[in-house]
């Protein structure tokens, strides 16, 4: 499921500790304007995501496409994928490694 997590952006140490202690898998931050400075909460959230290696979506169109893609998965597939359980999903096209692609071009 999805859980909205709110943090105290004013205190960087508290923010870092809270993020380190929580299980955040994805940050969606759709700020409407560029931050005025490092004190801006949107800047702090995006920076925190980057610092902790958490996937970040900060574009509305990309967020919509991600939601559509997750919605198109069979029920439970996203949970199984995250949990490293085998999925019975076939991709519509054959997926090749980069090396296979390069070999095809020779």
PDB file of N, CA and C in Angstrom:
ATOM      1  N   UNK A   1       0.809  -1.182   0.000  1.00  0.00           N
ATOM      2  CA  UNK A   1       0.000   0.000   0.000  1.00  0.00           C
ATOM      3  C   UNK A   1       0.853   1.247   0.000  1.00  0.00           C
ATOM      4  N   UNK A   2       0.203   2.346  -0.138  1.00  0.00           N
ATOM      5  CA  UNK A   2       0.859   3.639  -0.167  1.00  0.00           C
ATOM      6  C   UNK A   2       0.631   4.325   1.173  1.00  0.00           C
ATOM      7  N   UNK A   3       1.681   4.893   1.701  1.00  0.00           N
ATOM      8  CA  UNK A   3       1.591   5.611   2.957  1.00  0.00           C
ATOM      9  C   UNK A   3       2.256   6.965   2.780  1.00  0.00           C
ATOM     10  N   UNK A   4       1.549   8.017   3.114  1.00  0.00           N
ATOM     11  CA  UNK A   4       2.119   9.358   3.055  1.00  0.00           C
ATOM     12  C   UNK A   4       2.863   9.596   4.353  1.00  0.00           C
ATOM     13  N   UNK A   5       4.133  10.005   4.230  1.00  0.00           N
ATOM     14  CA  UNK A   5       4.972  10.239   5.394  1.00  0.00           C
ATOM     15  C   UNK A   5       5.327  11.719   5.426  1.00  0.00           C
ATOM     16  N   UNK A   6       5.111  12.358   6.558  1.00  0.00           N
ATOM     17  CA  UNK A   6       5.455  13.771   6.694  1.00  0.00           C
ATOM     18  C   UNK A   6       6.611  13.909   7.675  1.00  0.00           C
ATOM     19  N   UNK A   7       7.511  14.839   7.361  1.00  0.00           N
ATOM     20  CA  UNK A   7       8.705  15.036   8.164  1.00  0.00           C
ATOM     21  C   UNK A   7       8.851  16.494   8.566  1.00  0.00           C
ATOM     22  N   UNK A   8       9.666  16.713   9.582  1.00  0.00           N
ATOM     23  CA  UNK A   8      10.029  18.066   9.995  1.00  0.00           C
ATOM     24  C   UNK A   8      11.202  18.495   9.120  1.00  0.00           C
ATOM     25  N   UNK A   9      10.924  19.316   8.122  1.00  0.00           N
ATOM     26  CA  UNK A   9      11.955  19.723   7.170  1.00  0.00           C
ATOM     27  C   UNK A   9      12.906  20.759   7.739  1.00  0.00           C
ATOM     28  N   UNK A  10      12.501  21.439   8.800  1.00  0.00           N
ATOM     29  CA  UNK A  10      13.322  22.520   9.340  1.00  0.00           C
ATOM     30  C   UNK A  10      14.614  21.993   9.966  1.00  0.00           C
ATOM     31  N   UNK A  11      14.564  20.802  10.530  1.00  0.00           N
ATOM     32  CA  UNK A  11      15.725  20.244  11.216  1.00  0.00           C
ATOM     33  C   UNK A  11      16.311  19.118  10.365  1.00  0.00           C
ATOM     34  N   UNK A  12      17.442  19.376   9.731  1.00  0.00           N
ATOM     35  CA  UNK A  12      18.062  18.397   8.828  1.00  0.00           C
ATOM     36  C   UNK A  12      18.392  17.083   9.542  1.00  0.00           C
ATOM     37  N   UNK A  13      18.888  17.167  10.758  1.00  0.00           N
ATOM     38  CA  UNK A  13      19.263  15.945  11.482  1.00  0.00           C
ATOM     39  C   UNK A  13      18.026  15.087  11.753  1.00  0.00           C
ATOM     40  N   UNK A  14      16.944  15.724  12.169  1.00  0.00           N
ATOM     41  CA  UNK A  14      15.697  15.003  12.416  1.00  0.00           C
ATOM     42  C   UNK A  14      15.184  14.377  11.126  1.00  0.00           C
ATOM     43  N   UNK A  15      15.275  15.129  10.037  1.00  0.00           N
ATOM     44  CA  UNK A  15      14.833  14.621   8.732  1.00  0.00           C
ATOM     45  C   UNK A  15      15.642  13.392   8.342  1.00  0.00           C
ATOM     46  N   UNK A  16      16.968  13.484   8.443  1.00  0.00           N
ATOM     47  CA  UNK A  16      17.825  12.342   8.073  1.00  0.00           C
ATOM     48  C   UNK A  16      17.524  11.129   8.947  1.00  0.00           C
ATOM     49  N   UNK A  17      17.378  11.328  10.255  1.00  0.00           N
ATOM     50  CA  UNK A  17      17.095  10.213  11.160  1.00  0.00           C
ATOM     51  C   UNK A  17      15.745   9.574  10.840  1.00  0.00           C
ATOM     52  N   UNK A  18      14.747  10.411  10.587  1.00  0.00           N
ATOM     53  CA  UNK A  18      13.408   9.890  10.282  1.00  0.00           C
ATOM     54  C   UNK A  18      13.424   9.078   8.989  1.00  0.00           C
ATOM     55  N   UNK A  19      14.137   9.563   7.985  1.00  0.00           N
ATOM     56  CA  UNK A  19      14.202   8.849   6.712  1.00  0.00           C
ATOM     57  C   UNK A  19      14.987   7.557   6.866  1.00  0.00           C
ATOM     58  N   UNK A  20      16.072   7.615   7.590  1.00  0.00           N
ATOM     59  CA  UNK A  20      16.892   6.415   7.799  1.00  0.00           C
ATOM     60  C   UNK A  20      16.110   5.339   8.552  1.00  0.00           C
ATOM     61  N   UNK A  21      15.225   5.746   9.459  1.00  0.00           N
ATOM     62  CA  UNK A  21      14.454   4.792  10.253  1.00  0.00           C
ATOM     63  C   UNK A  21      13.202   4.288   9.551  1.00  0.00           C
ATOM     64  N   UNK A  22      12.730   4.999   8.547  1.00  0.00           N
ATOM     65  CA  UNK A  22      11.502   4.584   7.861  1.00  0.00           C
ATOM     66  C   UNK A  22      11.841   3.721   6.651  1.00  0.00           C
ATOM     67  N   UNK A  23      10.849   3.088   6.106  1.00  0.00           N
ATOM     68  CA  UNK A  23      11.045   2.242   4.930  1.00  0.00           C
ATOM     69  C   UNK A  23      10.406   2.924   3.730  1.00  0.00           C
ATOM     70  N   UNK A  24      11.090   3.930   3.223  1.00  0.00           N
ATOM     71  CA  UNK A  24      10.583   4.673   2.075  1.00  0.00           C
ATOM     72  C   UNK A  24      11.157   4.035   0.815  1.00  0.00           C
ATOM     73  N   UNK A  25      10.274   3.652  -0.105  1.00  0.00           N
ATOM     74  CA  UNK A  25      10.701   3.004  -1.339  1.00  0.00           C
ATOM     75  C   UNK A  25      10.675   3.948  -2.526  1.00  0.00           C
ATOM     76  N   UNK A  26       9.934   5.040  -2.426  1.00  0.00           N
ATOM     77  CA  UNK A  26       9.778   5.969  -3.544  1.00  0.00           C
ATOM     78  C   UNK A  26       9.358   7.324  -3.014  1.00  0.00           C
ATOM     79  N   UNK A  27       9.944   8.385  -3.575  1.00  0.00           N
ATOM     80  CA  UNK A  27       9.547   9.744  -3.229  1.00  0.00           C
ATOM     81  C   UNK A  27       8.934  10.377  -4.463  1.00  0.00           C
ATOM     82  N   UNK A  28       7.713  10.882  -4.316  1.00  0.00           N
ATOM     83  CA  UNK A  28       7.056  11.646  -5.374  1.00  0.00           C
ATOM     84  C   UNK A  28       6.929  13.060  -4.850  1.00  0.00           C
ATOM     85  N   UNK A  29       7.628  14.001  -5.490  1.00  0.00           N
ATOM     86  CA  UNK A  29       7.631  15.392  -5.047  1.00  0.00           C
ATOM     87  C   UNK A  29       7.354  16.265  -6.254  1.00  0.00           C
ATOM     88  N   UNK A  30       6.132  16.756  -6.352  1.00  0.00           N
ATOM     89  CA  UNK A  30       5.707  17.538  -7.509  1.00  0.00           C
ATOM     90  C   UNK A  30       5.618  19.012  -7.129  1.00  0.00           C
ATOM     91  N   UNK A  31       6.753  19.616  -6.898  1.00  0.00           N
ATOM     92  CA  UNK A  31       6.801  21.034  -6.552  1.00  0.00           C
ATOM     93  C   UNK A  31       6.375  21.853  -7.764  1.00  0.00           C
ATOM     94  N   UNK A  32       5.621  22.920  -7.508  1.00  0.00           N
ATOM     95  CA  UNK A  32       5.139  23.734  -8.616  1.00  0.00           C
ATOM     96  C   UNK A  32       6.144  24.804  -9.037  1.00  0.00           C
ATOM     97  N   UNK A  33       7.071  25.136  -8.149  1.00  0.00           N
ATOM     98  CA  UNK A  33       8.070  26.168  -8.460  1.00  0.00           C
ATOM     99  C   UNK A  33       9.448  25.691  -8.040  1.00  0.00           C
ATOM    100  N   UNK A  34      10.451  26.287  -8.647  1.00  0.00           N
ATOM    101  CA  UNK A  34      11.820  25.999  -8.222  1.00  0.00           C
ATOM    102  C   UNK A  34      12.011  26.531  -6.810  1.00  0.00           C
ATOM    103  N   UNK A  35      12.736  25.802  -5.978  1.00  0.00           N
ATOM    104  CA  UNK A  35      12.924  26.270  -4.604  1.00  0.00           C
ATOM    105  C   UNK A  35      13.737  27.559  -4.550  1.00  0.00           C
ATOM    106  N   UNK A  36      13.393  28.410  -3.596  1.00  0.00           N
ATOM    107  CA  UNK A  36      14.110  29.672  -3.420  1.00  0.00           C
ATOM    108  C   UNK A  36      15.487  29.434  -2.799  1.00  0.00           C
ATOM    109  N   UNK A  37      15.624  28.346  -2.075  1.00  0.00           N
ATOM    110  CA  UNK A  37      16.902  28.054  -1.429  1.00  0.00           C
ATOM    111  C   UNK A  37      16.864  26.697  -0.759  1.00  0.00           C
ATOM    112  N   UNK A  38      17.919  26.395  -0.044  1.00  0.00           N
ATOM    113  CA  UNK A  38      18.028  25.087   0.604  1.00  0.00           C
ATOM    114  C   UNK A  38      17.056  24.907   1.763  1.00  0.00           C
ATOM    115  N   UNK A  39      16.463  25.983   2.252  1.00  0.00           N
ATOM    116  CA  UNK A  39      15.505  25.887   3.350  1.00  0.00           C
ATOM    117  C   UNK A  39      14.125  25.452   2.858  1.00  0.00           C
ATOM    118  N   UNK A  40      13.909  25.432   1.563  1.00  0.00           N
ATOM    119  CA  UNK A  40      12.616  25.049   0.989  1.00  0.00           C
ATOM    120  C   UNK A  40      12.342  23.565   1.258  1.00  0.00           C
ATOM    121  N   UNK A  41      11.150  23.220   1.752  1.00  0.00           N
ATOM    122  CA  UNK A  41      10.825  21.815   2.053  1.00  0.00           C
ATOM    123  C   UNK A  41      10.899  20.907   0.830  1.00  0.00           C
ATOM    124  N   UNK A  42      10.533  21.396  -0.343  1.00  0.00           N
ATOM    125  CA  UNK A  42      10.614  20.566  -1.544  1.00  0.00           C
ATOM    126  C   UNK A  42      12.062  20.248  -1.903  1.00  0.00           C
ATOM    127  N   UNK A  43      12.941  21.233  -1.748  1.00  0.00           N
ATOM    128  CA  UNK A  43      14.367  20.994  -1.974  1.00  0.00           C
ATOM    129  C   UNK A  43      14.874  19.945  -0.989  1.00  0.00           C
ATOM    130  N   UNK A  44      14.502  20.104   0.282  1.00  0.00           N
ATOM    131  CA  UNK A  44      14.963  19.172   1.314  1.00  0.00           C
ATOM    132  C   UNK A  44      14.503  17.749   1.010  1.00  0.00           C
ATOM    133  N   UNK A  45      13.269  17.579   0.561  1.00  0.00           N
ATOM    134  CA  UNK A  45      12.750  16.241   0.258  1.00  0.00           C
ATOM    135  C   UNK A  45      13.483  15.625  -0.927  1.00  0.00           C
ATOM    136  N   UNK A  46      13.663  16.397  -1.989  1.00  0.00           N
ATOM    137  CA  UNK A  46      14.367  15.854  -3.158  1.00  0.00           C
ATOM    138  C   UNK A  46      15.814  15.532  -2.816  1.00  0.00           C
ATOM    139  N   UNK A  47      16.461  16.413  -2.074  1.00  0.00           N
ATOM    140  CA  UNK A  47      17.852  16.191  -1.686  1.00  0.00           C
ATOM    141  C   UNK A  47      17.977  14.945  -0.810  1.00  0.00           C
ATOM    142  N   UNK A  48      17.015  14.773   0.112  1.00  0.00           N
ATOM    143  CA  UNK A  48      17.015  13.602   0.984  1.00  0.00           C
ATOM    144  C   UNK A  48      16.889  12.323   0.150  1.00  0.00           C
ATOM    145  N   UNK A  49      16.018  12.336  -0.844  1.00  0.00           N
ATOM    146  CA  UNK A  49      15.844  11.159  -1.698  1.00  0.00           C
ATOM    147  C   UNK A  49      17.149  10.818  -2.405  1.00  0.00           C
ATOM    148  N   UNK A  50      17.805  11.830  -2.946  1.00  0.00           N
ATOM    149  CA  UNK A  50      19.070  11.599  -3.648  1.00  0.00           C
ATOM    150  C   UNK A  50      20.135  11.104  -2.680  1.00  0.00           C
ATOM    151  N   UNK A  51      20.242  11.745  -1.526  1.00  0.00           N
ATOM    152  CA  UNK A  51      21.261  11.353  -0.536  1.00  0.00           C
ATOM    153  C   UNK A  51      21.101   9.913  -0.066  1.00  0.00           C
ATOM    154  N   UNK A  52      19.864   9.443   0.048  1.00  0.00           N
ATOM    155  CA  UNK A  52      19.611   8.098   0.539  1.00  0.00           C
ATOM    156  C   UNK A  52      19.419   7.082  -0.586  1.00  0.00           C
ATOM    157  N   UNK A  53      19.564   7.502  -1.838  1.00  0.00           N
ATOM    158  CA  UNK A  53      19.423   6.580  -2.963  1.00  0.00           C
ATOM    159  C   UNK A  53      17.998   6.081  -3.146  1.00  0.00           C
ATOM    160  N   UNK A  54      17.025   6.907  -2.786  1.00  0.00           N
ATOM    161  CA  UNK A  54      15.621   6.532  -2.927  1.00  0.00           C
ATOM    162  C   UNK A  54      15.135   7.042  -4.287  1.00  0.00           C
ATOM    163  N   UNK A  55      14.480   6.200  -5.075  1.00  0.00           N
ATOM    164  CA  UNK A  55      13.967   6.668  -6.368  1.00  0.00           C
ATOM    165  C   UNK A  55      13.080   7.908  -6.185  1.00  0.00           C
ATOM    166  N   UNK A  56      13.277   8.881  -7.073  1.00  0.00           N
ATOM    167  CA  UNK A  56      12.577  10.155  -6.980  1.00  0.00           C
ATOM    168  C   UNK A  56      11.839  10.441  -8.277  1.00  0.00           C
ATOM    169  N   UNK A  57      10.568  10.781  -8.173  1.00  0.00           N
ATOM    170  CA  UNK A  57       9.775  11.229  -9.318  1.00  0.00           C
ATOM    171  C   UNK A  57       9.387  12.668  -9.010  1.00  0.00           C
ATOM    172  N   UNK A  58       9.841  13.599  -9.870  1.00  0.00           N
ATOM    173  CA  UNK A  58       9.537  14.998  -9.615  1.00  0.00           C
ATOM    174  C   UNK A  58       8.896  15.681 -10.829  1.00  0.00           C
ATOM    175  N   UNK A  59       8.378  14.892 -11.729  1.00  0.00           N
ATOM    176  CA  UNK A  59       7.706  15.412 -12.908  1.00  0.00           C
ATOM    177  C   UNK A  59       6.300  14.815 -12.964  1.00  0.00           C
ATOM    178  N   UNK A  60       5.303  15.667 -13.143  1.00  0.00           N
ATOM    179  CA  UNK A  60       3.916  15.195 -13.096  1.00  0.00           C
ATOM    180  C   UNK A  60       3.632  14.173 -14.181  1.00  0.00           C
ATOM    181  N   UNK A  61       4.117  14.405 -15.388  1.00  0.00           N
ATOM    182  CA  UNK A  61       3.857  13.465 -16.483  1.00  0.00           C
ATOM    183  C   UNK A  61       4.488  12.102 -16.190  1.00  0.00           C
ATOM    184  N   UNK A  62       5.698  12.109 -15.665  1.00  0.00           N
ATOM    185  CA  UNK A  62       6.361  10.837 -15.311  1.00  0.00           C
ATOM    186  C   UNK A  62       5.623  10.127 -14.179  1.00  0.00           C
ATOM    187  N   UNK A  63       5.134  10.896 -13.210  1.00  0.00           N
ATOM    188  CA  UNK A  63       4.374  10.300 -12.109  1.00  0.00           C
ATOM    189  C   UNK A  63       3.107   9.639 -12.638  1.00  0.00           C
ATOM    190  N   UNK A  64       2.419  10.306 -13.566  1.00  0.00           N
ATOM    191  CA  UNK A  64       1.203   9.739 -14.144  1.00  0.00           C
ATOM    192  C   UNK A  64       1.510   8.453 -14.916  1.00  0.00           C
ATOM    193  N   UNK A  65       2.611   8.451 -15.682  1.00  0.00           N
ATOM    194  CA  UNK A  65       2.983   7.247 -16.431  1.00  0.00           C
ATOM    195  C   UNK A  65       3.352   6.109 -15.491  1.00  0.00           C
ATOM    196  N   UNK A  66       4.041   6.419 -14.402  1.00  0.00           N
ATOM    197  CA  UNK A  66       4.400   5.393 -13.423  1.00  0.00           C
ATOM    198  C   UNK A  66       3.151   4.781 -12.798  1.00  0.00           C
ATOM    199  N   UNK A  67       2.203   5.615 -12.426  1.00  0.00           N
ATOM    200  CA  UNK A  67       0.962   5.114 -11.834  1.00  0.00           C
ATOM    201  C   UNK A  67       0.214   4.244 -12.832  1.00  0.00           C
ATOM    202  N   UNK A  68       0.138   4.683 -14.095  1.00  0.00           N
ATOM    203  CA  UNK A  68      -0.530   3.883 -15.126  1.00  0.00           C
ATOM    204  C   UNK A  68       0.159   2.532 -15.319  1.00  0.00           C
ATOM    205  N   UNK A  69       1.493   2.541 -15.313  1.00  0.00           N
ATOM    206  CA  UNK A  69       2.242   1.292 -15.503  1.00  0.00           C
ATOM    207  C   UNK A  69       2.022   0.343 -14.323  1.00  0.00           C
ATOM    208  N   UNK A  70       2.048   0.870 -13.119  1.00  0.00           N
ATOM    209  CA  UNK A  70       1.806   0.024 -11.946  1.00  0.00           C
ATOM    210  C   UNK A  70       0.378  -0.500 -11.924  1.00  0.00           C
ATOM    211  N   UNK A  71      -0.552   0.346 -12.364  1.00  0.00           N
ATOM    212  CA  UNK A  71      -1.958  -0.066 -12.408  1.00  0.00           C
ATOM    213  C   UNK A  71      -2.179  -1.178 -13.436  1.00  0.00           C
ATOM    214  N   UNK A  72      -1.386  -1.196 -14.497  1.00  0.00           N
ATOM    215  CA  UNK A  72      -1.546  -2.192 -15.551  1.00  0.00           C
ATOM    216  C   UNK A  72      -0.999  -3.569 -15.155  1.00  0.00           C
ATOM    217  N   UNK A  73      -0.197  -3.621 -14.094  1.00  0.00           N
ATOM    218  CA  UNK A  73       0.333  -4.908 -13.642  1.00  0.00           C
ATOM    219  C   UNK A  73      -0.793  -5.760 -13.063  1.00  0.00           C
ATOM    220  N   UNK A  74      -0.673  -7.065 -13.182  1.00  0.00           N
ATOM    221  CA  UNK A  74      -1.665  -7.942 -12.539  1.00  0.00           C
ATOM    222  C   UNK A  74      -1.683  -7.719 -11.026  1.00  0.00           C
ATOM    223  N   UNK A  75      -2.803  -7.996 -10.405  1.00  0.00           N
ATOM    224  CA  UNK A  75      -2.954  -7.794  -8.961  1.00  0.00           C
ATOM    225  C   UNK A  75      -1.833  -8.495  -8.195  1.00  0.00           C
ATOM    226  N   UNK A  76      -1.194  -7.761  -7.306  1.00  0.00           N
ATOM    227  CA  UNK A  76      -0.131  -8.318  -6.474  1.00  0.00           C
ATOM    228  C   UNK A  76       1.232  -8.372  -7.123  1.00  0.00           C
ATOM    229  N   UNK A  77       1.327  -8.027  -8.400  1.00  0.00           N
ATOM    230  CA  UNK A  77       2.609  -8.147  -9.105  1.00  0.00           C
ATOM    231  C   UNK A  77       3.647  -7.178  -8.563  1.00  0.00           C
ATOM    232  N   UNK A  78       3.256  -5.951  -8.265  1.00  0.00           N
ATOM    233  CA  UNK A  78       4.225  -4.972  -7.755  1.00  0.00           C
ATOM    234  C   UNK A  78       4.768  -5.425  -6.410  1.00  0.00           C
ATOM    235  N   UNK A  79       3.929  -5.969  -5.558  1.00  0.00           N
ATOM    236  CA  UNK A  79       4.366  -6.467  -4.252  1.00  0.00           C
ATOM    237  C   UNK A  79       5.299  -7.651  -4.436  1.00  0.00           C
ATOM    238  N   UNK A  80       4.955  -8.545  -5.343  1.00  0.00           N
ATOM    239  CA  UNK A  80       5.805  -9.715  -5.576  1.00  0.00           C
ATOM    240  C   UNK A  80       7.147  -9.297  -6.174  1.00  0.00           C
ATOM    241  N   UNK A  81       7.121  -8.312  -7.059  1.00  0.00           N
ATOM    242  CA  UNK A  81       8.353  -7.839  -7.683  1.00  0.00           C
ATOM    243  C   UNK A  81       9.266  -7.225  -6.632  1.00  0.00           C
ATOM    244  N   UNK A  82       8.692  -6.395  -5.766  1.00  0.00           N
ATOM    245  CA  UNK A  82       9.485  -5.755  -4.719  1.00  0.00           C
ATOM    246  C   UNK A  82      10.026  -6.785  -3.743  1.00  0.00           C
ATOM    247  N   UNK A  83       9.218  -7.804  -3.445  1.00  0.00           N
ATOM    248  CA  UNK A  83       9.620  -8.836  -2.497  1.00  0.00           C
ATOM    249  C   UNK A  83      10.528  -9.890  -3.101  1.00  0.00           C
ATOM    250  N   UNK A  84      10.934  -9.703  -4.355  1.00  0.00           N
ATOM    251  CA  UNK A  84      11.852 -10.615  -5.050  1.00  0.00           C
ATOM    252  C   UNK A  84      11.243 -11.992  -5.272  1.00  0.00           C
ATOM    253  N   UNK A  85       9.912 -12.092  -5.254  1.00  0.00           N
ATOM    254  CA  UNK A  85       9.255 -13.357  -5.538  1.00  0.00           C
ATOM    255  C   UNK A  85       9.128 -13.499  -7.049  1.00  0.00           C
ATOM    256  N   UNK A  86       9.189 -14.734  -7.582  1.00  0.00           N
ATOM    257  CA  UNK A  86       9.065 -14.897  -9.030  1.00  0.00           C
ATOM    258  C   UNK A  86       7.685 -14.470  -9.513  1.00  0.00           C
ATOM    259  N   UNK A  87       7.671 -13.823 -10.662  1.00  0.00           N
ATOM    260  CA  UNK A  87       6.415 -13.368 -11.266  1.00  0.00           C
ATOM    261  C   UNK A  87       6.106 -14.183 -12.510  1.00  0.00           C
ATOM    262  N   UNK A  88       4.855 -14.356 -12.787  1.00  0.00           N
ATOM    263  CA  UNK A  88       4.434 -15.021 -14.018  1.00  0.00           C
ATOM    264  C   UNK A  88       3.943 -13.981 -15.019  1.00  0.00           C
ATOM    265  N   UNK A  89       4.797 -13.004 -15.281  1.00  0.00           N
ATOM    266  CA  UNK A  89       4.460 -11.941 -16.227  1.00  0.00           C
ATOM    267  C   UNK A  89       5.432 -12.032 -17.397  1.00  0.00           C
ATOM    268  N   UNK A  90       4.881 -12.055 -18.589  1.00  0.00           N
ATOM    269  CA  UNK A  90       5.733 -12.070 -19.776  1.00  0.00           C
ATOM    270  C   UNK A  90       5.743 -10.686 -20.385  1.00  0.00           C
ATOM    271  N   UNK A  91       6.913 -10.233 -20.784  1.00  0.00           N
ATOM    272  CA  UNK A  91       6.990  -8.938 -21.444  1.00  0.00           C
ATOM    273  C   UNK A  91       6.466  -9.088 -22.863  1.00  0.00           C
ATOM    274  N   UNK A  92       5.864  -8.038 -23.409  1.00  0.00           N
ATOM    275  CA  UNK A  92       5.287  -8.149 -24.756  1.00  0.00           C
ATOM    276  C   UNK A  92       6.342  -8.298 -25.850  1.00  0.00           C
ATOM    277  N   UNK A  93       7.574  -7.935 -25.580  1.00  0.00           N
ATOM    278  CA  UNK A  93       8.655  -8.090 -26.551  1.00  0.00           C
ATOM    279  C   UNK A  93       9.821  -8.777 -25.854  1.00  0.00           C
ATOM    280  N   UNK A  94      10.668  -9.403 -26.644  1.00  0.00           N
ATOM    281  CA  UNK A  94      11.848 -10.020 -26.063  1.00  0.00           C
ATOM    282  C   UNK A  94      12.782  -8.938 -25.546  1.00  0.00           C
ATOM    283  N   UNK A  95      13.273  -9.111 -24.346  1.00  0.00           N
ATOM    284  CA  UNK A  95      14.210  -8.174 -23.750  1.00  0.00           C
ATOM    285  C   UNK A  95      15.597  -8.770 -23.892  1.00  0.00           C
ATOM    286  N   UNK A  96      16.488  -7.983 -24.453  1.00  0.00           N
ATOM    287  CA  UNK A  96      17.857  -8.449 -24.666  1.00  0.00           C
ATOM    288  C   UNK A  96      18.823  -7.638 -23.816  1.00  0.00           C
ATOM    289  N   UNK A  97      19.937  -8.255 -23.484  1.00  0.00           N
ATOM    290  CA  UNK A  97      20.969  -7.521 -22.748  1.00  0.00           C
ATOM    291  C   UNK A  97      21.640  -6.542 -23.703  1.00  0.00           C
ATOM    292  N   UNK A  98      22.357  -5.590 -23.137  1.00  0.00           N
ATOM    293  CA  UNK A  98      23.066  -4.606 -23.961  1.00  0.00           C
ATOM    294  C   UNK A  98      24.072  -5.311 -24.866  1.00  0.00           C
ATOM    295  N   UNK A  99      24.755  -6.326 -24.346  1.00  0.00           N
ATOM    296  CA  UNK A  99      25.736  -7.046 -25.155  1.00  0.00           C
ATOM    297  C   UNK A  99      25.059  -7.764 -26.315  1.00  0.00           C
ATOM    298  N   UNK A 100      23.890  -8.369 -26.084  1.00  0.00           N
ATOM    299  CA  UNK A 100      23.155  -9.013 -27.178  1.00  0.00           C
ATOM    300  C   UNK A 100      22.776  -7.989 -28.244  1.00  0.00           C
ATOM    301  N   UNK A 101      22.389  -6.803 -27.834  1.00  0.00           N
ATOM    302  CA  UNK A 101      22.046  -5.756 -28.776  1.00  0.00           C
ATOM    303  C   UNK A 101      23.267  -5.364 -29.610  1.00  0.00           C
ATOM    304  N   UNK A 102      24.413  -5.208 -28.962  1.00  0.00           N
ATOM    305  CA  UNK A 102      25.625  -4.847 -29.698  1.00  0.00           C
ATOM    306  C   UNK A 102      26.032  -5.943 -30.660  1.00  0.00           C
ATOM    307  N   UNK A 103      25.893  -7.192 -30.220  1.00  0.00           N
ATOM    308  CA  UNK A 103      26.241  -8.321 -31.095  1.00  0.00           C
ATOM    309  C   UNK A 103      25.348  -8.371 -32.336  1.00  0.00           C
ATOM    310  N   UNK A 104      24.095  -7.977 -32.214  1.00  0.00           N
ATOM    311  CA  UNK A 104      23.165  -7.981 -33.350  1.00  0.00           C
ATOM    312  C   UNK A 104      23.581  -6.960 -34.411  1.00  0.00           C
ATOM    313  N   UNK A 105      24.258  -5.913 -33.994  1.00  0.00           N
ATOM    314  CA  UNK A 105      24.608  -4.828 -34.912  1.00  0.00           C
ATOM    315  C   UNK A 105      25.872  -5.124 -35.708  1.00  0.00           C
ATOM    316  N   UNK A 106      26.585  -6.188 -35.391  1.00  0.00           N
ATOM    317  CA  UNK A 106      27.829  -6.528 -36.094  1.00  0.00           C
ATOM    318  C   UNK A 106      27.544  -7.116 -37.451  1.00  0.00           C
TER     319      UNK A 106
END
